[in-house]
């Protein structure tokens, strides 16, 4: 699993590649949260994420909580069918804004 993080204005863009699981979740959480400031928005590009476990979901939820507390938001883009099953079963999909593509993510 790997990731690439870019900052563009008040948006932290995180492209996740591979499996977001317990072995890598803490490192990703630290890096993303370390780049967030008051009012930061976070865009997760999940087009190359093939699997997520509860630890990975935990990272996304923690980032969402921090963003909301600071007045920002989190958007998940391009969630693939395999990982989407996990989101649907756990009902986590109800708390996130999920868009079909990165281009569909809007921050005002």
PDB file of N, CA and C in Angstrom:
ATOM      1  N   UNK A   1       0.857  -1.180   0.000  1.00  0.00           N
ATOM      2  CA  UNK A   1       0.000   0.000   0.000  1.00  0.00           C
ATOM      3  C   UNK A   1       0.883   1.215   0.000  1.00  0.00           C
ATOM      4  N   UNK A   2       0.457   2.176  -0.763  1.00  0.00           N
ATOM      5  CA  UNK A   2       1.164   3.433  -0.804  1.00  0.00           C
ATOM      6  C   UNK A   2       0.170   4.568  -0.934  1.00  0.00           C
ATOM      7  N   UNK A   3       0.685   5.769  -0.846  1.00  0.00           N
ATOM      8  CA  UNK A   3      -0.165   6.934  -1.014  1.00  0.00           C
ATOM      9  C   UNK A   3       0.676   8.110  -1.451  1.00  0.00           C
ATOM     10  N   UNK A   4      -0.001   9.064  -2.015  1.00  0.00           N
ATOM     11  CA  UNK A   4       0.635  10.317  -2.425  1.00  0.00           C
ATOM     12  C   UNK A   4      -0.237  11.441  -1.890  1.00  0.00           C
ATOM     13  N   UNK A   5       0.405  12.402  -1.249  1.00  0.00           N
ATOM     14  CA  UNK A   5      -0.330  13.510  -0.665  1.00  0.00           C
ATOM     15  C   UNK A   5       0.171  14.813  -1.274  1.00  0.00           C
ATOM     16  N   UNK A   6      -0.785  15.628  -1.715  1.00  0.00           N
ATOM     17  CA  UNK A   6      -0.487  16.958  -2.260  1.00  0.00           C
ATOM     18  C   UNK A   6      -1.384  17.959  -1.564  1.00  0.00           C
ATOM     19  N   UNK A   7      -0.869  19.143  -1.383  1.00  0.00           N
ATOM     20  CA  UNK A   7      -1.681  20.211  -0.808  1.00  0.00           C
ATOM     21  C   UNK A   7      -1.916  21.261  -1.888  1.00  0.00           C
ATOM     22  N   UNK A   8      -3.190  21.569  -2.117  1.00  0.00           N
ATOM     23  CA  UNK A   8      -3.567  22.595  -3.087  1.00  0.00           C
ATOM     24  C   UNK A   8      -4.522  23.549  -2.401  1.00  0.00           C
ATOM     25  N   UNK A   9      -4.017  24.725  -2.037  1.00  0.00           N
ATOM     26  CA  UNK A   9      -4.838  25.675  -1.298  1.00  0.00           C
ATOM     27  C   UNK A   9      -5.220  25.083   0.039  1.00  0.00           C
ATOM     28  N   UNK A  10      -6.510  25.067   0.330  1.00  0.00           N
ATOM     29  CA  UNK A  10      -6.969  24.507   1.610  1.00  0.00           C
ATOM     30  C   UNK A  10      -7.444  23.058   1.463  1.00  0.00           C
ATOM     31  N   UNK A  11      -7.003  22.385   0.387  1.00  0.00           N
ATOM     32  CA  UNK A  11      -7.387  20.984   0.168  1.00  0.00           C
ATOM     33  C   UNK A  11      -6.144  20.095   0.236  1.00  0.00           C
ATOM     34  N   UNK A  12      -6.231  19.094   1.107  1.00  0.00           N
ATOM     35  CA  UNK A  12      -5.201  18.063   1.181  1.00  0.00           C
ATOM     36  C   UNK A  12      -5.710  16.912   0.324  1.00  0.00           C
ATOM     37  N   UNK A  13      -4.992  16.620  -0.768  1.00  0.00           N
ATOM     38  CA  UNK A  13      -5.398  15.551  -1.687  1.00  0.00           C
ATOM     39  C   UNK A  13      -4.580  14.305  -1.399  1.00  0.00           C
ATOM     40  N   UNK A  14      -5.286  13.208  -1.125  1.00  0.00           N
ATOM     41  CA  UNK A  14      -4.641  11.954  -0.751  1.00  0.00           C
ATOM     42  C   UNK A  14      -5.042  10.881  -1.758  1.00  0.00           C
ATOM     43  N   UNK A  15      -4.079  10.395  -2.526  1.00  0.00           N
ATOM     44  CA  UNK A  15      -4.326   9.307  -3.473  1.00  0.00           C
ATOM     45  C   UNK A  15      -3.852   8.014  -2.823  1.00  0.00           C
ATOM     46  N   UNK A  16      -4.786   7.105  -2.573  1.00  0.00           N
ATOM     47  CA  UNK A  16      -4.488   5.834  -1.904  1.00  0.00           C
ATOM     48  C   UNK A  16      -4.318   4.757  -2.966  1.00  0.00           C
ATOM     49  N   UNK A  17      -3.269   3.944  -2.811  1.00  0.00           N
ATOM     50  CA  UNK A  17      -2.981   2.892  -3.779  1.00  0.00           C
ATOM     51  C   UNK A  17      -2.843   1.555  -3.046  1.00  0.00           C
ATOM     52  N   UNK A  18      -3.664   0.585  -3.413  1.00  0.00           N
ATOM     53  CA  UNK A  18      -3.546  -0.749  -2.827  1.00  0.00           C
ATOM     54  C   UNK A  18      -4.515  -0.996  -1.690  1.00  0.00           C
ATOM     55  N   UNK A  19      -3.981  -1.513  -0.583  1.00  0.00           N
ATOM     56  CA  UNK A  19      -4.799  -1.953   0.548  1.00  0.00           C
ATOM     57  C   UNK A  19      -4.611  -1.010   1.731  1.00  0.00           C
ATOM     58  N   UNK A  20      -5.692  -0.419   2.196  1.00  0.00           N
ATOM     59  CA  UNK A  20      -5.649   0.443   3.380  1.00  0.00           C
ATOM     60  C   UNK A  20      -6.057  -0.419   4.580  1.00  0.00           C
ATOM     61  N   UNK A  21      -5.037  -0.982   5.235  1.00  0.00           N
ATOM     62  CA  UNK A  21      -5.261  -1.959   6.309  1.00  0.00           C
ATOM     63  C   UNK A  21      -4.435  -1.585   7.538  1.00  0.00           C
ATOM     64  N   UNK A  22      -4.596  -2.372   8.596  1.00  0.00           N
ATOM     65  CA  UNK A  22      -3.989  -2.077   9.900  1.00  0.00           C
ATOM     66  C   UNK A  22      -2.481  -1.827   9.835  1.00  0.00           C
ATOM     67  N   UNK A  23      -1.780  -2.505   8.954  1.00  0.00           N
ATOM     68  CA  UNK A  23      -0.328  -2.371   8.881  1.00  0.00           C
ATOM     69  C   UNK A  23       0.126  -0.971   8.458  1.00  0.00           C
ATOM     70  N   UNK A  24      -0.696  -0.270   7.701  1.00  0.00           N
ATOM     71  CA  UNK A  24      -0.289   1.043   7.189  1.00  0.00           C
ATOM     72  C   UNK A  24      -1.176   2.192   7.680  1.00  0.00           C
ATOM     73  N   UNK A  25      -2.305   1.860   8.266  1.00  0.00           N
ATOM     74  CA  UNK A  25      -3.274   2.895   8.660  1.00  0.00           C
ATOM     75  C   UNK A  25      -2.695   3.953   9.602  1.00  0.00           C
ATOM     76  N   UNK A  26      -1.948   3.583  10.658  1.00  0.00           N
ATOM     77  CA  UNK A  26      -1.432   4.615  11.563  1.00  0.00           C
ATOM     78  C   UNK A  26      -0.502   5.618  10.866  1.00  0.00           C
ATOM     79  N   UNK A  27       0.333   5.138   9.971  1.00  0.00           N
ATOM     80  CA  UNK A  27       1.256   6.034   9.263  1.00  0.00           C
ATOM     81  C   UNK A  27       0.495   6.996   8.354  1.00  0.00           C
ATOM     82  N   UNK A  28      -0.510   6.498   7.668  1.00  0.00           N
ATOM     83  CA  UNK A  28      -1.317   7.371   6.812  1.00  0.00           C
ATOM     84  C   UNK A  28      -2.049   8.410   7.651  1.00  0.00           C
ATOM     85  N   UNK A  29      -2.637   7.984   8.763  1.00  0.00           N
ATOM     86  CA  UNK A  29      -3.358   8.911   9.643  1.00  0.00           C
ATOM     87  C   UNK A  29      -2.429  10.034  10.104  1.00  0.00           C
ATOM     88  N   UNK A  30      -1.236   9.675  10.573  1.00  0.00           N
ATOM     89  CA  UNK A  30      -0.283  10.683  11.050  1.00  0.00           C
ATOM     90  C   UNK A  30       0.082  11.674   9.954  1.00  0.00           C
ATOM     91  N   UNK A  31       0.353  11.173   8.766  1.00  0.00           N
ATOM     92  CA  UNK A  31       0.775  12.053   7.681  1.00  0.00           C
ATOM     93  C   UNK A  31      -0.352  12.985   7.237  1.00  0.00           C
ATOM     94  N   UNK A  32      -1.558  12.447   7.072  1.00  0.00           N
ATOM     95  CA  UNK A  32      -2.680  13.288   6.637  1.00  0.00           C
ATOM     96  C   UNK A  32      -3.020  14.315   7.710  1.00  0.00           C
ATOM     97  N   UNK A  33      -3.157  13.872   8.952  1.00  0.00           N
ATOM     98  CA  UNK A  33      -3.531  14.789  10.022  1.00  0.00           C
ATOM     99  C   UNK A  33      -2.440  15.830  10.270  1.00  0.00           C
ATOM    100  N   UNK A  34      -1.202  15.450  10.039  1.00  0.00           N
ATOM    101  CA  UNK A  34      -0.096  16.386  10.186  1.00  0.00           C
ATOM    102  C   UNK A  34      -0.119  17.499   9.161  1.00  0.00           C
ATOM    103  N   UNK A  35      -0.737  17.265   8.035  1.00  0.00           N
ATOM    104  CA  UNK A  35      -0.824  18.284   6.979  1.00  0.00           C
ATOM    105  C   UNK A  35      -2.086  19.132   7.069  1.00  0.00           C
ATOM    106  N   UNK A  36      -3.019  18.709   7.903  1.00  0.00           N
ATOM    107  CA  UNK A  36      -4.278  19.448   8.025  1.00  0.00           C
ATOM    108  C   UNK A  36      -4.095  20.647   8.950  1.00  0.00           C
ATOM    109  N   UNK A  37      -4.729  21.752   8.581  1.00  0.00           N
ATOM    110  CA  UNK A  37      -4.758  22.939   9.418  1.00  0.00           C
ATOM    111  C   UNK A  37      -6.215  23.329   9.615  1.00  0.00           C
ATOM    112  N   UNK A  38      -6.453  24.359  10.403  1.00  0.00           N
ATOM    113  CA  UNK A  38      -7.813  24.849  10.627  1.00  0.00           C
ATOM    114  C   UNK A  38      -8.454  25.157   9.275  1.00  0.00           C
ATOM    115  N   UNK A  39      -9.617  24.607   9.022  1.00  0.00           N
ATOM    116  CA  UNK A  39     -10.331  24.858   7.776  1.00  0.00           C
ATOM    117  C   UNK A  39      -9.912  23.981   6.606  1.00  0.00           C
ATOM    118  N   UNK A  40      -9.019  23.032   6.852  1.00  0.00           N
ATOM    119  CA  UNK A  40      -8.584  22.141   5.771  1.00  0.00           C
ATOM    120  C   UNK A  40      -9.719  21.245   5.297  1.00  0.00           C
ATOM    121  N   UNK A  41      -9.750  21.029   3.994  1.00  0.00           N
ATOM    122  CA  UNK A  41     -10.613  20.030   3.380  1.00  0.00           C
ATOM    123  C   UNK A  41      -9.713  18.885   2.942  1.00  0.00           C
ATOM    124  N   UNK A  42     -10.260  17.692   2.886  1.00  0.00           N
ATOM    125  CA  UNK A  42      -9.463  16.538   2.469  1.00  0.00           C
ATOM    126  C   UNK A  42     -10.205  15.802   1.360  1.00  0.00           C
ATOM    127  N   UNK A  43      -9.488  15.525   0.290  1.00  0.00           N
ATOM    128  CA  UNK A  43     -10.018  14.748  -0.826  1.00  0.00           C
ATOM    129  C   UNK A  43      -9.240  13.445  -0.902  1.00  0.00           C
ATOM    130  N   UNK A  44      -9.931  12.334  -0.700  1.00  0.00           N
ATOM    131  CA  UNK A  44      -9.317  11.019  -0.852  1.00  0.00           C
ATOM    132  C   UNK A  44      -9.653  10.491  -2.237  1.00  0.00           C
ATOM    133  N   UNK A  45      -8.623  10.276  -3.052  1.00  0.00           N
ATOM    134  CA  UNK A  45      -8.786   9.633  -4.361  1.00  0.00           C
ATOM    135  C   UNK A  45      -8.614   8.134  -4.129  1.00  0.00           C
ATOM    136  N   UNK A  46      -9.712   7.400  -4.200  1.00  0.00           N
ATOM    137  CA  UNK A  46      -9.704   5.973  -3.895  1.00  0.00           C
ATOM    138  C   UNK A  46      -9.775   5.107  -5.153  1.00  0.00           C
ATOM    139  N   UNK A  47      -9.458   5.686  -6.295  1.00  0.00           N
ATOM    140  CA  UNK A  47      -9.566   4.959  -7.569  1.00  0.00           C
ATOM    141  C   UNK A  47      -8.636   3.754  -7.640  1.00  0.00           C
ATOM    142  N   UNK A  48      -7.538   3.764  -6.878  1.00  0.00           N
ATOM    143  CA  UNK A  48      -6.595   2.636  -6.896  1.00  0.00           C
ATOM    144  C   UNK A  48      -6.573   1.862  -5.585  1.00  0.00           C
ATOM    145  N   UNK A  49      -7.543   2.109  -4.699  1.00  0.00           N
ATOM    146  CA  UNK A  49      -7.627   1.355  -3.454  1.00  0.00           C
ATOM    147  C   UNK A  49      -8.428   0.079  -3.725  1.00  0.00           C
ATOM    148  N   UNK A  50      -7.813  -1.064  -3.436  1.00  0.00           N
ATOM    149  CA  UNK A  50      -8.462  -2.339  -3.745  1.00  0.00           C
ATOM    150  C   UNK A  50      -9.087  -3.014  -2.533  1.00  0.00           C
ATOM    151  N   UNK A  51      -8.696  -2.591  -1.314  1.00  0.00           N
ATOM    152  CA  UNK A  51      -9.233  -3.218  -0.100  1.00  0.00           C
ATOM    153  C   UNK A  51      -9.101  -2.241   1.061  1.00  0.00           C
ATOM    154  N   UNK A  52     -10.041  -2.313   1.997  1.00  0.00           N
ATOM    155  CA  UNK A  52      -9.972  -1.520   3.225  1.00  0.00           C
ATOM    156  C   UNK A  52     -10.499  -2.378   4.369  1.00  0.00           C
ATOM    157  N   UNK A  53      -9.846  -2.260   5.536  1.00  0.00           N
ATOM    158  CA  UNK A  53     -10.336  -2.971   6.712  1.00  0.00           C
ATOM    159  C   UNK A  53     -10.803  -1.946   7.748  1.00  0.00           C
ATOM    160  N   UNK A  54     -11.141  -2.417   8.937  1.00  0.00           N
ATOM    161  CA  UNK A  54     -11.684  -1.517   9.961  1.00  0.00           C
ATOM    162  C   UNK A  54     -10.679  -0.450  10.378  1.00  0.00           C
ATOM    163  N   UNK A  55      -9.407  -0.771  10.359  1.00  0.00           N
ATOM    164  CA  UNK A  55      -8.383   0.231  10.699  1.00  0.00           C
ATOM    165  C   UNK A  55      -8.345   1.337   9.650  1.00  0.00           C
ATOM    166  N   UNK A  56      -8.473   0.957   8.397  1.00  0.00           N
ATOM    167  CA  UNK A  56      -8.520   1.946   7.321  1.00  0.00           C
ATOM    168  C   UNK A  56      -9.743   2.831   7.424  1.00  0.00           C
ATOM    169  N   UNK A  57     -10.895   2.211   7.714  1.00  0.00           N
ATOM    170  CA  UNK A  57     -12.117   2.993   7.921  1.00  0.00           C
ATOM    171  C   UNK A  57     -11.935   3.959   9.092  1.00  0.00           C
ATOM    172  N   UNK A  58     -11.260   3.478  10.132  1.00  0.00           N
ATOM    173  CA  UNK A  58     -11.006   4.326  11.295  1.00  0.00           C
ATOM    174  C   UNK A  58     -10.212   5.566  10.945  1.00  0.00           C
ATOM    175  N   UNK A  59      -9.224   5.414  10.081  1.00  0.00           N
ATOM    176  CA  UNK A  59      -8.434   6.574   9.640  1.00  0.00           C
ATOM    177  C   UNK A  59      -9.329   7.585   8.934  1.00  0.00           C
ATOM    178  N   UNK A  60     -10.157   7.112   8.021  1.00  0.00           N
ATOM    179  CA  UNK A  60     -11.037   8.019   7.283  1.00  0.00           C
ATOM    180  C   UNK A  60     -11.988   8.750   8.228  1.00  0.00           C
ATOM    181  N   UNK A  61     -12.534   8.039   9.199  1.00  0.00           N
ATOM    182  CA  UNK A  61     -13.461   8.654  10.157  1.00  0.00           C
ATOM    183  C   UNK A  61     -12.737   9.673  11.033  1.00  0.00           C
ATOM    184  N   UNK A  62     -11.525   9.355  11.469  1.00  0.00           N
ATOM    185  CA  UNK A  62     -10.766  10.297  12.293  1.00  0.00           C
ATOM    186  C   UNK A  62     -10.424  11.568  11.518  1.00  0.00           C
ATOM    187  N   UNK A  63     -10.050  11.411  10.264  1.00  0.00           N
ATOM    188  CA  UNK A  63      -9.765  12.578   9.425  1.00  0.00           C
ATOM    189  C   UNK A  63     -11.040  13.405   9.249  1.00  0.00           C
ATOM    190  N   UNK A  64     -12.171  12.731   9.041  1.00  0.00           N
ATOM    191  CA  UNK A  64     -13.456  13.430   8.909  1.00  0.00           C
ATOM    192  C   UNK A  64     -13.766  14.227  10.169  1.00  0.00           C
ATOM    193  N   UNK A  65     -13.577  13.629  11.327  1.00  0.00           N
ATOM    194  CA  UNK A  65     -13.858  14.320  12.587  1.00  0.00           C
ATOM    195  C   UNK A  65     -12.983  15.555  12.749  1.00  0.00           C
ATOM    196  N   UNK A  66     -11.696  15.431  12.432  1.00  0.00           N
ATOM    197  CA  UNK A  66     -10.784  16.576  12.555  1.00  0.00           C
ATOM    198  C   UNK A  66     -11.159  17.670  11.567  1.00  0.00           C
ATOM    199  N   UNK A  67     -11.482  17.276  10.339  1.00  0.00           N
ATOM    200  CA  UNK A  67     -11.861  18.271   9.327  1.00  0.00           C
ATOM    201  C   UNK A  67     -13.114  19.024   9.761  1.00  0.00           C
ATOM    202  N   UNK A  68     -14.130  18.300  10.196  1.00  0.00           N
ATOM    203  CA  UNK A  68     -15.379  18.944  10.617  1.00  0.00           C
ATOM    204  C   UNK A  68     -15.165  19.865  11.811  1.00  0.00           C
ATOM    205  N   UNK A  69     -14.340  19.442  12.762  1.00  0.00           N
ATOM    206  CA  UNK A  69     -14.067  20.262  13.943  1.00  0.00           C
ATOM    207  C   UNK A  69     -13.396  21.574  13.562  1.00  0.00           C
ATOM    208  N   UNK A  70     -12.629  21.554  12.463  1.00  0.00           N
ATOM    209  CA  UNK A  70     -11.938  22.757  12.007  1.00  0.00           C
ATOM    210  C   UNK A  70     -12.698  23.534  10.953  1.00  0.00           C
ATOM    211  N   UNK A  71     -13.926  23.120  10.643  1.00  0.00           N
ATOM    212  CA  UNK A  71     -14.721  23.816   9.649  1.00  0.00           C
ATOM    213  C   UNK A  71     -14.509  23.347   8.226  1.00  0.00           C
ATOM    214  N   UNK A  72     -13.818  22.224   8.047  1.00  0.00           N
ATOM    215  CA  UNK A  72     -13.590  21.692   6.705  1.00  0.00           C
ATOM    216  C   UNK A  72     -14.481  20.499   6.428  1.00  0.00           C
ATOM    217  N   UNK A  73     -14.213  19.843   5.306  1.00  0.00           N
ATOM    218  CA  UNK A  73     -14.972  18.638   4.977  1.00  0.00           C
ATOM    219  C   UNK A  73     -14.071  17.629   4.289  1.00  0.00           C
ATOM    220  N   UNK A  74     -14.582  16.399   4.193  1.00  0.00           N
ATOM    221  CA  UNK A  74     -13.865  15.304   3.552  1.00  0.00           C
ATOM    222  C   UNK A  74     -14.736  14.765   2.433  1.00  0.00           C
ATOM    223  N   UNK A  75     -14.119  14.543   1.274  1.00  0.00           N
ATOM    224  CA  UNK A  75     -14.814  13.946   0.136  1.00  0.00           C
ATOM    225  C   UNK A  75     -14.022  12.712  -0.292  1.00  0.00           C
ATOM    226  N   UNK A  76     -14.750  11.621  -0.508  1.00  0.00           N
ATOM    227  CA  UNK A  76     -14.154  10.396  -1.029  1.00  0.00           C
ATOM    228  C   UNK A  76     -14.520  10.292  -2.500  1.00  0.00           C
ATOM    229  N   UNK A  77     -13.521  10.102  -3.352  1.00  0.00           N
ATOM    230  CA  UNK A  77     -13.769  10.037  -4.793  1.00  0.00           C
ATOM    231  C   UNK A  77     -13.355   8.686  -5.353  1.00  0.00           C
ATOM    232  N   UNK A  78     -14.128   8.210  -6.308  1.00  0.00           N
ATOM    233  CA  UNK A  78     -13.816   7.014  -7.095  1.00  0.00           C
ATOM    234  C   UNK A  78     -13.696   5.752  -6.247  1.00  0.00           C
ATOM    235  N   UNK A  79     -14.602   5.586  -5.300  1.00  0.00           N
ATOM    236  CA  UNK A  79     -14.629   4.379  -4.463  1.00  0.00           C
ATOM    237  C   UNK A  79     -14.963   3.179  -5.343  1.00  0.00           C
ATOM    238  N   UNK A  80     -14.098   2.187  -5.312  1.00  0.00           N
ATOM    239  CA  UNK A  80     -14.232   1.012  -6.169  1.00  0.00           C
ATOM    240  C   UNK A  80     -15.222   0.000  -5.579  1.00  0.00           C
ATOM    241  N   UNK A  81     -15.767  -0.891  -6.417  1.00  0.00           N
ATOM    242  CA  UNK A  81     -16.811  -1.826  -5.968  1.00  0.00           C
ATOM    243  C   UNK A  81     -16.421  -2.704  -4.774  1.00  0.00           C
ATOM    244  N   UNK A  82     -15.213  -3.247  -4.756  1.00  0.00           N
ATOM    245  CA  UNK A  82     -14.796  -4.108  -3.644  1.00  0.00           C
ATOM    246  C   UNK A  82     -14.815  -3.375  -2.308  1.00  0.00           C
ATOM    247  N   UNK A  83     -14.074  -2.278  -2.182  1.00  0.00           N
ATOM    248  CA  UNK A  83     -14.107  -1.517  -0.936  1.00  0.00           C
ATOM    249  C   UNK A  83     -15.489  -0.939  -0.623  1.00  0.00           C
ATOM    250  N   UNK A  84     -16.263  -0.620  -1.634  1.00  0.00           N
ATOM    251  CA  UNK A  84     -17.601  -0.048  -1.410  1.00  0.00           C
ATOM    252  C   UNK A  84     -18.478  -1.002  -0.609  1.00  0.00           C
ATOM    253  N   UNK A  85     -18.293  -2.298  -0.790  1.00  0.00           N
ATOM    254  CA  UNK A  85     -19.064  -3.281  -0.032  1.00  0.00           C
ATOM    255  C   UNK A  85     -18.829  -3.091   1.470  1.00  0.00           C
ATOM    256  N   UNK A  86     -17.573  -2.865   1.840  1.00  0.00           N
ATOM    257  CA  UNK A  86     -17.243  -2.656   3.256  1.00  0.00           C
ATOM    258  C   UNK A  86     -17.932  -1.392   3.773  1.00  0.00           C
ATOM    259  N   UNK A  87     -17.907  -0.320   2.979  1.00  0.00           N
ATOM    260  CA  UNK A  87     -18.570   0.932   3.365  1.00  0.00           C
ATOM    261  C   UNK A  87     -20.073   0.715   3.555  1.00  0.00           C
ATOM    262  N   UNK A  88     -20.672  -0.042   2.654  1.00  0.00           N
ATOM    263  CA  UNK A  88     -22.115  -0.277   2.720  1.00  0.00           C
ATOM    264  C   UNK A  88     -22.499  -1.178   3.902  1.00  0.00           C
ATOM    265  N   UNK A  89     -21.754  -2.242   4.125  1.00  0.00           N
ATOM    266  CA  UNK A  89     -22.054  -3.162   5.225  1.00  0.00           C
ATOM    267  C   UNK A  89     -21.943  -2.457   6.574  1.00  0.00           C
ATOM    268  N   UNK A  90     -20.916  -1.633   6.723  1.00  0.00           N
ATOM    269  CA  UNK A  90     -20.682  -0.948   7.997  1.00  0.00           C
ATOM    270  C   UNK A  90     -21.484   0.345   8.126  1.00  0.00           C
ATOM    271  N   UNK A  91     -22.172   0.718   7.066  1.00  0.00           N
ATOM    272  CA  UNK A  91     -22.964   1.956   7.026  1.00  0.00           C
ATOM    273  C   UNK A  91     -22.109   3.220   7.091  1.00  0.00           C
ATOM    274  N   UNK A  92     -20.802   3.089   6.938  1.00  0.00           N
ATOM    275  CA  UNK A  92     -19.902   4.236   6.952  1.00  0.00           C
ATOM    276  C   UNK A  92     -20.174   5.148   5.755  1.00  0.00           C
ATOM    277  N   UNK A  93     -20.708   4.586   4.692  1.00  0.00           N
ATOM    278  CA  UNK A  93     -21.006   5.389   3.504  1.00  0.00           C
ATOM    279  C   UNK A  93     -22.010   6.501   3.804  1.00  0.00           C
ATOM    280  N   UNK A  94     -22.774   6.347   4.883  1.00  0.00           N
ATOM    281  CA  UNK A  94     -23.766   7.366   5.243  1.00  0.00           C
ATOM    282  C   UNK A  94     -23.145   8.641   5.807  1.00  0.00           C
ATOM    283  N   UNK A  95     -21.922   8.566   6.321  1.00  0.00           N
ATOM    284  CA  UNK A  95     -21.318   9.743   6.955  1.00  0.00           C
ATOM    285  C   UNK A  95     -20.367  10.505   6.035  1.00  0.00           C
ATOM    286  N   UNK A  96     -20.065   9.937   4.886  1.00  0.00           N
ATOM    287  CA  UNK A  96     -19.140  10.583   3.959  1.00  0.00           C
ATOM    288  C   UNK A  96     -19.848  11.089   2.713  1.00  0.00           C
ATOM    289  N   UNK A  97     -19.307  12.156   2.155  1.00  0.00           N
ATOM    290  CA  UNK A  97     -19.703  12.564   0.812  1.00  0.00           C
ATOM    291  C   UNK A  97     -18.851  11.741  -0.142  1.00  0.00           C
ATOM    292  N   UNK A  98     -19.501  10.945  -0.983  1.00  0.00           N
ATOM    293  CA  UNK A  98     -18.797  10.075  -1.925  1.00  0.00           C
ATOM    294  C   UNK A  98     -19.208  10.483  -3.331  1.00  0.00           C
ATOM    295  N   UNK A  99     -18.204  10.784  -4.165  1.00  0.00           N
ATOM    296  CA  UNK A  99     -18.469  11.227  -5.537  1.00  0.00           C
ATOM    297  C   UNK A  99     -17.817  10.248  -6.516  1.00  0.00           C
ATOM    298  N   UNK A 100     -18.352  10.183  -7.749  1.00  0.00           N
ATOM    299  CA  UNK A 100     -17.851   9.197  -8.720  1.00  0.00           C
ATOM    300  C   UNK A 100     -16.400   9.405  -9.153  1.00  0.00           C
ATOM    301  N   UNK A 101     -15.962  10.663  -9.299  1.00  0.00           N
ATOM    302  CA  UNK A 101     -14.609  10.936  -9.767  1.00  0.00           C
ATOM    303  C   UNK A 101     -13.996  12.081  -8.964  1.00  0.00           C
ATOM    304  N   UNK A 102     -12.689  12.203  -9.050  1.00  0.00           N
ATOM    305  CA  UNK A 102     -11.996  13.305  -8.392  1.00  0.00           C
ATOM    306  C   UNK A 102     -12.504  14.639  -8.908  1.00  0.00           C
ATOM    307  N   UNK A 103     -12.778  14.727 -10.192  1.00  0.00           N
ATOM    308  CA  UNK A 103     -13.270  15.971 -10.793  1.00  0.00           C
ATOM    309  C   UNK A 103     -14.620  16.393 -10.222  1.00  0.00           C
ATOM    310  N   UNK A 104     -15.391  15.443  -9.686  1.00  0.00           N
ATOM    311  CA  UNK A 104     -16.707  15.750  -9.119  1.00  0.00           C
ATOM    312  C   UNK A 104     -16.640  16.309  -7.699  1.00  0.00           C
ATOM    313  N   UNK A 105     -15.471  16.280  -7.086  1.00  0.00           N
ATOM    314  CA  UNK A 105     -15.332  16.782  -5.715  1.00  0.00           C
ATOM    315  C   UNK A 105     -15.364  18.316  -5.726  1.00  0.00           C
ATOM    316  N   UNK A 106     -16.227  18.868  -4.918  1.00  0.00           N
ATOM    317  CA  UNK A 106     -16.377  20.329  -4.854  1.00  0.00           C
ATOM    318  C   UNK A 106     -16.191  20.796  -3.412  1.00  0.00           C
ATOM    319  N   UNK A 107     -15.377  21.809  -3.263  1.00  0.00           N
ATOM    320  CA  UNK A 107     -15.163  22.443  -1.966  1.00  0.00           C
ATOM    321  C   UNK A 107     -15.451  23.923  -2.138  1.00  0.00           C
ATOM    322  N   UNK A 108     -16.321  24.463  -1.266  1.00  0.00           N
ATOM    323  CA  UNK A 108     -16.643  25.880  -1.408  1.00  0.00           C
ATOM    324  C   UNK A 108     -15.996  26.701  -0.338  1.00  0.00           C
TER     325      UNK A 108
END
